[in-house]
Every structure is written in structure tokens, then in C-alpha cells.
N, C-alpha and C. Protein backbone atom coordinates (compact mmCIF):
# COMPACT_ATOMS: atom_id res chain seq x y z
N UNK A 1 -34.89 39.79 -51.44
CA UNK A 1 -34.52 41.35 -50.69
C UNK A 1 -34.73 41.17 -49.12
N UNK A 2 -33.57 40.95 -48.54
CA UNK A 2 -33.34 40.91 -46.97
C UNK A 2 -32.69 42.50 -46.60
N UNK A 3 -33.19 42.38 -44.86
CA UNK A 3 -32.55 43.54 -44.24
C UNK A 3 -31.46 43.38 -44.16
N UNK A 4 -30.29 44.50 -44.21
CA UNK A 4 -28.95 44.26 -43.79
C UNK A 4 -28.56 45.59 -42.50
N UNK A 5 -28.11 44.92 -41.50
CA UNK A 5 -27.59 45.75 -40.77
C UNK A 5 -26.23 46.73 -41.19
N UNK A 6 -26.92 47.89 -40.61
CA UNK A 6 -26.01 48.84 -40.57
C UNK A 6 -24.33 48.63 -40.38
N UNK A 7 -24.34 47.82 -38.91
CA UNK A 7 -23.11 47.55 -38.09
C UNK A 7 -22.33 46.67 -38.89
N UNK A 8 -23.05 46.12 -39.67
CA UNK A 8 -22.20 44.85 -40.43
C UNK A 8 -21.79 45.01 -42.25
N UNK A 9 -22.69 46.02 -42.77
CA UNK A 9 -22.25 46.18 -44.11
C UNK A 9 -23.43 47.40 -44.59
N UNK A 10 -22.80 48.10 -45.48
CA UNK A 10 -22.93 49.25 -46.09
C UNK A 10 -23.33 49.48 -47.29
N UNK A 11 -24.15 50.31 -47.15
CA UNK A 11 -24.56 49.96 -49.08
C UNK A 11 -23.63 50.56 -49.73
N UNK A 12 -23.94 50.36 -51.29
CA UNK A 12 -23.11 50.69 -52.09
C UNK A 12 -23.57 52.55 -52.15
N UNK A 13 -22.22 53.67 -52.74
CA UNK A 13 -22.18 54.54 -52.26
C UNK A 13 -23.61 55.08 -53.85
N UNK A 14 -24.41 56.45 -53.55
CA UNK A 14 -25.41 57.04 -54.14
C UNK A 14 -26.25 55.76 -54.88
N UNK A 15 -26.55 55.06 -54.21
CA UNK A 15 -27.96 54.40 -54.40
C UNK A 15 -29.17 54.53 -53.60
N UNK A 16 -29.79 54.97 -53.49
CA UNK A 16 -31.30 54.68 -53.11
C UNK A 16 -31.35 53.68 -52.20
N UNK A 17 -31.30 53.89 -50.75
CA UNK A 17 -32.40 52.67 -49.60
C UNK A 17 -33.32 52.80 -48.95
N UNK A 18 -34.01 51.30 -49.27
CA UNK A 18 -34.88 51.48 -47.89
C UNK A 18 -34.63 51.62 -46.51
N UNK A 19 -35.04 52.65 -45.53
CA UNK A 19 -34.27 52.51 -43.99
C UNK A 19 -35.22 52.23 -43.36
N UNK A 20 -34.80 51.31 -42.18
CA UNK A 20 -35.60 51.08 -40.53
C UNK A 20 -35.27 51.49 -39.53
N UNK A 21 -35.35 51.98 -38.33
CA UNK A 21 -35.09 52.49 -37.30
C UNK A 21 -36.19 51.22 -36.33
N UNK A 22 -35.49 50.52 -35.34
CA UNK A 22 -35.89 49.38 -35.17
C UNK A 22 -36.38 50.76 -33.59
N UNK A 23 -35.82 51.61 -33.16
CA UNK A 23 -36.20 51.82 -31.98
C UNK A 23 -37.37 52.66 -32.13
N UNK A 24 -37.36 53.72 -33.53
CA UNK A 24 -38.87 54.25 -33.48
C UNK A 24 -39.60 53.82 -34.88
N UNK A 25 -39.12 52.42 -34.61
CA UNK A 25 -40.42 51.86 -36.23
C UNK A 25 -40.54 52.41 -36.74
N UNK A 26 -39.85 52.96 -37.64
CA UNK A 26 -40.17 54.03 -38.62
C UNK A 26 -39.34 53.61 -40.00
N UNK A 27 -39.55 53.86 -41.60
CA UNK A 27 -39.36 53.38 -42.23
C UNK A 27 -38.88 54.88 -43.17
N UNK A 28 -37.96 55.02 -43.96
CA UNK A 28 -38.09 55.68 -45.33
C UNK A 28 -36.73 55.75 -46.18
N UNK A 29 -36.88 56.73 -46.74
CA UNK A 29 -35.36 56.18 -47.84
C UNK A 29 -34.69 57.29 -47.76
N UNK A 30 -33.26 56.64 -47.79
CA UNK A 30 -32.22 57.65 -47.93
C UNK A 30 -31.21 57.68 -49.26
N UNK A 31 -30.11 58.01 -49.51
CA UNK A 31 -29.23 57.99 -50.03
C UNK A 31 -27.96 57.96 -49.59
N UNK A 32 -27.02 56.62 -50.31
CA UNK A 32 -25.46 56.90 -49.59
C UNK A 32 -24.60 57.74 -49.93
N UNK A 33 -23.42 58.50 -49.43
CA UNK A 33 -22.57 59.53 -49.93
C UNK A 33 -21.41 59.82 -49.04
N UNK A 34 -20.33 59.45 -50.13
CA UNK A 34 -18.87 59.52 -49.65
C UNK A 34 -18.48 61.00 -49.34
N UNK A 35 -17.51 60.84 -48.44
CA UNK A 35 -17.48 62.33 -47.83
C UNK A 35 -16.91 63.19 -48.93
N UNK A 36 -17.39 64.02 -48.70
CA UNK A 36 -17.06 65.37 -50.13
C UNK A 36 -18.04 65.37 -51.03
N UNK A 37 -18.91 64.38 -51.47
CA UNK A 37 -19.52 64.28 -52.35
C UNK A 37 -20.66 65.41 -52.58
N UNK A 38 -21.53 65.97 -53.33
CA UNK A 38 -22.32 66.96 -53.39
C UNK A 38 -23.71 66.23 -53.30
N UNK A 39 -24.17 66.31 -52.15
CA UNK A 39 -25.55 65.73 -52.38
C UNK A 39 -26.83 66.76 -52.61
N UNK A 40 -26.70 67.97 -52.96
CA UNK A 40 -27.55 68.69 -53.60
C UNK A 40 -26.77 70.30 -53.84
N UNK A 41 -27.48 70.37 -55.57
CA UNK A 41 -27.12 71.88 -55.54
C UNK A 41 -28.34 72.70 -55.58
N UNK A 42 -28.15 74.24 -55.18
CA UNK A 42 -29.20 75.23 -55.49
C UNK A 42 -28.64 76.19 -56.32
N UNK A 43 -29.36 76.73 -57.18
CA UNK A 43 -29.23 77.81 -57.52
C UNK A 43 -29.14 79.20 -56.88
N UNK A 44 -28.63 80.14 -57.17
CA UNK A 44 -28.70 81.38 -56.75
C UNK A 44 -29.27 82.01 -57.44
N UNK A 45 -29.60 83.54 -56.66
CA UNK A 45 -30.54 84.11 -57.60
C UNK A 45 -29.98 85.48 -58.57
N UNK A 46 -28.72 85.23 -58.81
CA UNK A 46 -27.81 85.66 -59.32
C UNK A 46 -28.28 85.35 -61.58
N UNK A 47 -28.36 86.47 -61.87
CA UNK A 47 -28.73 86.14 -63.30
C UNK A 47 -30.48 86.41 -63.68
N UNK A 48 -30.42 87.23 -64.38
CA UNK A 48 -32.07 87.83 -64.87
C UNK A 48 -32.65 86.97 -65.39
N UNK A 49 -32.51 85.57 -65.80
CA UNK A 49 -33.27 84.95 -66.51
C UNK A 49 -33.59 83.58 -65.73
N UNK A 50 -34.20 82.61 -65.70
CA UNK A 50 -34.11 81.15 -64.97
C UNK A 50 -32.68 80.47 -65.77
N UNK A 51 -32.90 80.42 -67.23
CA UNK A 51 -31.53 80.28 -67.65
C UNK A 51 -30.11 80.58 -67.29
N UNK A 52 -30.44 81.72 -67.40
CA UNK A 52 -28.77 82.20 -66.59
C UNK A 52 -28.38 81.75 -65.16
N UNK A 53 -29.38 81.28 -64.37
CA UNK A 53 -29.31 81.32 -63.09
C UNK A 53 -28.33 79.70 -63.33
N UNK A 54 -28.96 78.69 -63.97
CA UNK A 54 -28.75 77.84 -64.05
C UNK A 54 -27.06 77.89 -65.10
N UNK A 55 -26.77 78.36 -65.30
CA UNK A 55 -25.75 78.37 -66.18
C UNK A 55 -24.94 79.12 -65.05
N UNK A 56 -24.85 80.06 -64.33
CA UNK A 56 -24.20 80.18 -63.41
C UNK A 56 -24.42 78.91 -61.94
N UNK A 57 -25.05 78.11 -62.01
CA UNK A 57 -25.16 77.20 -61.13
C UNK A 57 -24.21 76.18 -61.88
N UNK A 58 -24.06 75.72 -62.73
CA UNK A 58 -23.26 74.94 -63.78
C UNK A 58 -21.81 75.12 -63.36
N UNK A 59 -21.63 76.54 -63.39
CA UNK A 59 -20.69 77.14 -63.27
C UNK A 59 -20.03 77.27 -62.06
N UNK A 60 -20.55 76.50 -60.80
CA UNK A 60 -20.09 76.77 -59.80
C UNK A 60 -20.32 77.63 -58.85
N UNK A 61 -21.53 78.73 -59.24
CA UNK A 61 -21.84 79.70 -58.64
C UNK A 61 -23.43 79.05 -58.07
N UNK A 62 -23.36 78.34 -57.97
CA UNK A 62 -24.69 77.78 -56.71
C UNK A 62 -23.89 77.62 -55.54
N UNK A 63 -25.25 76.68 -54.95
CA UNK A 63 -25.08 76.49 -53.07
C UNK A 63 -24.79 75.42 -53.53
N UNK A 64 -24.08 74.45 -52.61
CA UNK A 64 -23.93 72.84 -52.80
C UNK A 64 -24.29 72.26 -51.53
N UNK A 65 -24.44 71.50 -50.94
CA UNK A 65 -24.61 70.74 -49.80
C UNK A 65 -23.96 69.67 -49.88
N UNK A 66 -22.76 69.59 -49.28
CA UNK A 66 -21.79 68.41 -49.30
C UNK A 66 -21.38 67.41 -48.33
N UNK A 67 -21.33 66.21 -48.10
CA UNK A 67 -21.32 65.28 -47.27
C UNK A 67 -20.32 65.45 -46.39
N UNK A 68 -20.56 65.55 -44.79
CA UNK A 68 -19.71 65.36 -44.51
C UNK A 68 -18.78 64.54 -43.55
N UNK A 69 -19.88 63.54 -43.91
CA UNK A 69 -20.01 62.28 -43.11
C UNK A 69 -20.08 60.89 -44.50
N UNK A 70 -19.31 60.15 -44.09
CA UNK A 70 -19.83 59.20 -45.76
C UNK A 70 -20.95 58.60 -44.52
N UNK A 71 -21.60 57.91 -45.33
CA UNK A 71 -23.18 57.42 -44.81
C UNK A 71 -24.35 57.83 -46.17
N UNK A 72 -25.33 57.44 -45.13
CA UNK A 72 -26.94 57.58 -45.64
C UNK A 72 -27.40 58.84 -44.96
N UNK A 73 -27.92 59.84 -46.01
CA UNK A 73 -28.53 60.78 -45.69
C UNK A 73 -29.73 60.81 -45.66
N UNK A 74 -30.73 61.20 -45.09
CA UNK A 74 -32.52 61.56 -45.72
C UNK A 74 -32.77 63.42 -45.50
N UNK A 75 -33.63 63.47 -46.21
CA UNK A 75 -34.14 64.98 -45.92
C UNK A 75 -35.11 64.63 -44.79
N UNK A 76 -34.59 65.87 -43.73
CA UNK A 76 -36.11 66.00 -42.69
C UNK A 76 -36.46 67.60 -42.35
N UNK A 77 -37.23 67.70 -41.88
CA UNK A 77 -37.94 68.89 -41.57
C UNK A 77 -37.40 69.07 -40.24
N UNK A 78 -36.43 70.13 -39.76
CA UNK A 78 -35.78 70.58 -38.82
C UNK A 78 -36.41 71.93 -37.98
N UNK A 79 -37.37 72.11 -38.22
CA UNK A 79 -37.84 72.94 -37.23
C UNK A 79 -38.09 74.50 -38.33
N UNK A 80 -37.79 74.25 -39.54
CA UNK A 80 -37.53 75.38 -40.68
C UNK A 80 -38.69 75.83 -41.32
N UNK A 81 -39.19 74.12 -41.55
CA UNK A 81 -40.09 74.34 -42.80
C UNK A 81 -39.72 73.99 -43.77
N UNK A 82 -38.57 74.12 -44.39
CA UNK A 82 -37.65 73.47 -45.43
C UNK A 82 -37.17 72.06 -45.00
N UNK A 83 -36.80 71.02 -45.62
CA UNK A 83 -36.20 70.08 -46.04
C UNK A 83 -34.87 70.07 -45.85
N UNK A 84 -34.28 69.50 -45.07
CA UNK A 84 -32.64 69.52 -45.02
C UNK A 84 -32.17 68.16 -44.89
N UNK A 85 -31.02 68.36 -45.53
CA UNK A 85 -30.58 66.62 -45.60
C UNK A 85 -29.37 66.50 -44.60
N UNK A 86 -29.86 65.26 -43.32
CA UNK A 86 -29.45 64.86 -42.43
C UNK A 86 -28.55 63.47 -42.30
N UNK A 87 -27.39 63.06 -41.78
CA UNK A 87 -26.73 61.65 -41.83
C UNK A 87 -27.91 60.80 -40.82
N UNK A 88 -28.38 59.55 -41.48
CA UNK A 88 -29.63 59.42 -40.76
C UNK A 88 -28.64 57.91 -40.53
N UNK A 89 -28.19 58.57 -38.56
CA UNK A 89 -27.54 57.56 -38.20
C UNK A 89 -28.66 57.30 -36.56
N UNK A 90 -29.82 57.28 -36.86
CA UNK A 90 -30.89 56.41 -35.75
C UNK A 90 -31.31 55.04 -36.91
N UNK A 91 -31.01 54.82 -38.27
CA UNK A 91 -31.45 54.02 -38.77
C UNK A 91 -30.71 52.82 -38.27
N UNK A 92 -30.82 51.29 -38.08
CA UNK A 92 -30.13 50.07 -37.89
C UNK A 92 -30.22 49.21 -39.47
N UNK A 93 -31.18 49.52 -39.93
CA UNK A 93 -31.02 48.34 -40.83
C UNK A 93 -32.02 49.08 -42.36
N UNK A 94 -30.88 48.57 -43.33
CA UNK A 94 -31.10 48.53 -44.67
C UNK A 94 -31.52 47.65 -45.83
N UNK A 95 -31.99 48.23 -47.33
CA UNK A 95 -32.53 47.19 -48.01
C UNK A 95 -32.48 47.95 -49.29
N UNK A 96 -31.62 47.48 -50.08
CA UNK A 96 -32.13 48.03 -51.94
C UNK A 96 -33.35 48.22 -52.32
N UNK A 97 -33.77 48.94 -52.77
CA UNK A 97 -34.70 49.19 -53.38
C UNK A 97 -35.47 48.01 -54.74
N UNK A 98 -36.17 47.57 -54.84
CA UNK A 98 -37.03 46.97 -55.80
C UNK A 98 -36.94 47.71 -57.06
N UNK A 99 -36.78 46.92 -58.12
CA UNK A 99 -36.93 47.43 -59.39
C UNK A 99 -38.41 47.55 -59.57
N UNK A 100 -38.76 48.80 -60.42
CA UNK A 100 -39.69 49.25 -60.35
C UNK A 100 -40.59 48.39 -61.90
N UNK A 101 -41.71 48.09 -61.62
CA UNK A 101 -42.47 47.21 -62.51
C UNK A 101 -42.56 47.46 -63.89
N UNK A 102 -42.29 46.19 -64.76
CA UNK A 102 -41.58 46.59 -66.14
C UNK A 102 -43.35 47.16 -66.28
N UNK A 103 -42.62 47.30 -68.18
CA UNK A 103 -43.88 47.90 -68.70
C UNK A 103 -44.90 47.14 -68.95
N UNK A 104 -46.01 47.34 -68.69
CA UNK A 104 -47.52 46.69 -69.23
C UNK A 104 -47.96 45.70 -68.05
N UNK A 105 -46.90 45.58 -67.11
CA UNK A 105 -47.53 45.43 -65.38
C UNK A 105 -48.26 45.79 -64.92
N UNK A 106 -49.31 45.46 -64.13
CA UNK A 106 -50.23 46.11 -63.33
C UNK A 106 -50.33 45.81 -62.02
């Protein structure tokens, strides 16, 4: 595995990647999305039970967060107490995540 510079190459879309900010010396995980792709979908409170709320969401009655720009998005607390998706512009490098351990590996 090697680090890639965002200025040179972008990850394949919808892949989770490890991100690094040289300026802030911080790591996090983000996911690459194309313009217009749904980042996350929320169920609205419509329907008398969880099953009906899920059906309403699948029928398009939910709230969707859509990528406004192509790029990597991360979840951050913007002071609201809730995590929100934001475009990860401050990160300089990325790499694909390694495969999980094989079954039986310790």
C-alpha cells in the first residue's frame, strides 16, 4: 500500500479510503462520491411504524444527502452535535484500506 496525492490521482468512486492531512497531521476515513450520488438517506417520521417509514424512504419519501461536488466526503461535527457529511478538501493524501484479516487469523 502506498500514499497517493490528491493533486496527482483520485480514488475510484464509492471506495472508502484512509485520508491524511499534512497540515493538521490527522488521519480519518472518507468515501469517494461523484456529483449527484446519494451519500446518505434518512427516514422521515411518516408512517405509523418503522416498517412503513422504511417503505416510505425506499419510495423516495426520505431525506437524501447528495454529493454537490465530486470528491471524498467525511463525517464531521459542525457544532450541531450531529455528524454531517462534508467535502474533505483539507486532506492531501489518501490510500485504499487494507483487506480485513482472513478468518482464523489472529
